[in-house]
Amino acid sequence: MLAGMRFTEHELTAALTGAAKSVLASRKDVRKRGLDIDTAWEAMSRYERFQMLDALGDQILPVLQPAAKSCKTLTLSLGDGATHTTQFSFTK
């Protein structure tokens, strides 16, 4: 049996930010303008970034619990009817 993984606050923040940028990159308006994802992220207000991170945190953080290690795919509901599917792989 695998032992549960523990993450630092910084690692969780980096994981959520990466997931948020992935979701942002999948948005049609960002793709259409051909923006660099980091430029699009910085162009968002702090409150817009907070809203995205908060919504993703509610969906992603439970997946990182040891009981959910068998979950390999996570589909995120973006609130506007769109979804974003992310593949996870857990390694030692």
C-alpha atoms as a PDB file:
ATOM      1  CA  MET A   1       0.000   0.000   0.000  1.00  0.00           C
ATOM      2  CA  LEU A   2       1.295   3.445  -0.893  1.00  0.00           C
ATOM      3  CA  ALA A   3       1.724   6.017   1.848  1.00  0.00           C
ATOM      4  CA  GLY A   4      -0.131   9.311   1.445  1.00  0.00           C
ATOM      5  CA  MET A   5       1.751  12.194  -0.125  1.00  0.00           C
ATOM      6  CA  ARG A   6       2.112  15.472   1.718  1.00  0.00           C
ATOM      7  CA  PHE A   7       2.354  18.775  -0.119  1.00  0.00           C
ATOM      8  CA  THR A   8       3.652  22.109   1.116  1.00  0.00           C
ATOM      9  CA  GLU A   9       1.546  25.235   0.739  1.00  0.00           C
ATOM     10  CA  HIS A  10       3.942  26.464  -1.958  1.00  0.00           C
ATOM     11  CA  GLU A  11       3.617  23.200  -3.923  1.00  0.00           C
ATOM     12  CA  LEU A  12      -0.181  23.342  -3.746  1.00  0.00           C
ATOM     13  CA  THR A  13      -0.185  26.987  -4.844  1.00  0.00           C
ATOM     14  CA  ALA A  14       2.120  26.172  -7.771  1.00  0.00           C
ATOM     15  CA  ALA A  15      -0.089  23.232  -8.771  1.00  0.00           C
ATOM     16  CA  LEU A  16      -3.250  25.360  -8.660  1.00  0.00           C
ATOM     17  CA  THR A  17      -1.585  28.168 -10.601  1.00  0.00           C
ATOM     18  CA  GLY A  18      -0.459  25.698 -13.276  1.00  0.00           C
ATOM     19  CA  ALA A  19      -3.970  24.265 -13.534  1.00  0.00           C
ATOM     20  CA  ALA A  20      -5.450  27.781 -13.708  1.00  0.00           C
ATOM     21  CA  LYS A  21      -3.076  28.754 -16.512  1.00  0.00           C
ATOM     22  CA  SER A  22      -4.012  25.566 -18.359  1.00  0.00           C
ATOM     23  CA  VAL A  23      -7.701  26.448 -18.055  1.00  0.00           C
ATOM     24  CA  LEU A  24      -6.959  30.031 -19.117  1.00  0.00           C
ATOM     25  CA  ALA A  25      -5.049  28.793 -22.169  1.00  0.00           C
ATOM     26  CA  SER A  26      -8.055  26.718 -23.203  1.00  0.00           C
ATOM     27  CA  ARG A  27     -10.367  29.739 -23.256  1.00  0.00           C
ATOM     28  CA  LYS A  28     -11.401  30.764 -26.751  1.00  0.00           C
ATOM     29  CA  ASP A  29     -10.767  34.487 -26.244  1.00  0.00           C
ATOM     30  CA  VAL A  30      -7.168  33.853 -25.151  1.00  0.00           C
ATOM     31  CA  ARG A  31      -6.499  31.448 -28.033  1.00  0.00           C
ATOM     32  CA  LYS A  32      -8.112  33.802 -30.552  1.00  0.00           C
ATOM     33  CA  ARG A  33      -5.907  36.735 -29.532  1.00  0.00           C
ATOM     34  CA  GLY A  34      -2.815  34.498 -29.656  1.00  0.00           C
ATOM     35  CA  LEU A  35      -1.626  35.705 -26.274  1.00  0.00           C
ATOM     36  CA  ASP A  36       1.202  34.112 -24.360  1.00  0.00           C
ATOM     37  CA  ILE A  37      -0.383  32.396 -21.346  1.00  0.00           C
ATOM     38  CA  ASP A  38       1.835  34.232 -18.845  1.00  0.00           C
ATOM     39  CA  THR A  39       0.921  37.558 -20.467  1.00  0.00           C
ATOM     40  CA  ALA A  40      -2.792  36.681 -20.289  1.00  0.00           C
ATOM     41  CA  TRP A  41      -2.381  35.629 -16.628  1.00  0.00           C
ATOM     42  CA  GLU A  42      -0.643  38.900 -15.717  1.00  0.00           C
ATOM     43  CA  ALA A  43      -3.301  40.890 -17.603  1.00  0.00           C
ATOM     44  CA  MET A  44      -5.974  39.500 -15.262  1.00  0.00           C
ATOM     45  CA  SER A  45      -6.714  41.506 -12.130  1.00  0.00           C
ATOM     46  CA  ARG A  46      -5.716  40.015  -8.789  1.00  0.00           C
ATOM     47  CA  TYR A  47      -9.401  39.456  -8.040  1.00  0.00           C
ATOM     48  CA  GLU A  48      -9.963  37.591 -11.335  1.00  0.00           C
ATOM     49  CA  ARG A  49      -6.965  35.358 -10.567  1.00  0.00           C
ATOM     50  CA  PHE A  50      -8.287  34.796  -7.036  1.00  0.00           C
ATOM     51  CA  GLN A  51     -11.712  33.785  -8.364  1.00  0.00           C
ATOM     52  CA  MET A  52     -10.176  31.271 -10.767  1.00  0.00           C
ATOM     53  CA  LEU A  53      -7.809  29.817  -8.151  1.00  0.00           C
ATOM     54  CA  ASP A  54     -10.610  29.600  -5.583  1.00  0.00           C
ATOM     55  CA  ALA A  55     -12.936  27.753  -7.964  1.00  0.00           C
ATOM     56  CA  LEU A  56     -10.197  25.365  -9.069  1.00  0.00           C
ATOM     57  CA  GLY A  57      -9.061  24.772  -5.493  1.00  0.00           C
ATOM     58  CA  ASP A  58     -12.524  23.510  -4.568  1.00  0.00           C
ATOM     59  CA  GLN A  59     -12.258  20.919  -7.343  1.00  0.00           C
ATOM     60  CA  ILE A  60      -8.557  19.995  -7.382  1.00  0.00           C
ATOM     61  CA  LEU A  61      -7.545  19.884  -3.731  1.00  0.00           C
ATOM     62  CA  PRO A  62      -9.890  17.000  -2.836  1.00  0.00           C
ATOM     63  CA  VAL A  63      -8.273  14.952  -5.632  1.00  0.00           C
ATOM     64  CA  LEU A  64      -4.910  15.312  -3.931  1.00  0.00           C
ATOM     65  CA  GLN A  65      -6.156  13.543  -0.801  1.00  0.00           C
ATOM     66  CA  PRO A  66      -4.625  10.067  -0.331  1.00  0.00           C
ATOM     67  CA  ALA A  67      -8.022   8.349  -0.708  1.00  0.00           C
ATOM     68  CA  ALA A  68      -8.393   9.808  -4.202  1.00  0.00           C
ATOM     69  CA  LYS A  69      -5.008   8.657  -5.534  1.00  0.00           C
ATOM     70  CA  SER A  70      -6.646   6.305  -8.004  1.00  0.00           C
ATOM     71  CA  CYS A  71      -8.263   9.268  -9.812  1.00  0.00           C
ATOM     72  CA  LYS A  72      -6.343   9.909 -13.033  1.00  0.00           C
ATOM     73  CA  THR A  73      -8.694  12.317 -14.806  1.00  0.00           C
ATOM     74  CA  LEU A  74     -10.344  15.420 -13.415  1.00  0.00           C
ATOM     75  CA  THR A  75     -13.012  17.359 -15.289  1.00  0.00           C
ATOM     76  CA  LEU A  76     -13.346  20.936 -14.110  1.00  0.00           C
ATOM     77  CA  SER A  77     -16.602  22.840 -14.387  1.00  0.00           C
ATOM     78  CA  LEU A  78     -15.798  26.421 -15.367  1.00  0.00           C
ATOM     79  CA  GLY A  79     -19.142  27.920 -14.420  1.00  0.00           C
ATOM     80  CA  ASP A  80     -20.053  29.175 -17.893  1.00  0.00           C
ATOM     81  CA  GLY A  81     -21.144  25.747 -19.098  1.00  0.00           C
ATOM     82  CA  ALA A  82     -17.659  24.881 -20.348  1.00  0.00           C
ATOM     83  CA  THR A  83     -15.487  22.153 -18.909  1.00  0.00           C
ATOM     84  CA  HIS A  84     -11.764  21.453 -18.907  1.00  0.00           C
ATOM     85  CA  THR A  85     -10.348  17.950 -18.462  1.00  0.00           C
ATOM     86  CA  THR A  86      -6.911  17.473 -16.956  1.00  0.00           C
ATOM     87  CA  GLN A  87      -4.916  14.256 -16.721  1.00  0.00           C
ATOM     88  CA  PHE A  88      -3.057  13.595 -13.468  1.00  0.00           C
ATOM     89  CA  SER A  89      -0.386  11.012 -12.809  1.00  0.00           C
ATOM     90  CA  PHE A  90       0.812  10.325  -9.310  1.00  0.00           C
ATOM     91  CA  THR A  91       4.376   9.148  -8.819  1.00  0.00           C
ATOM     92  CA  LYS A  92       6.501   8.485  -5.790  1.00  0.00           C
END
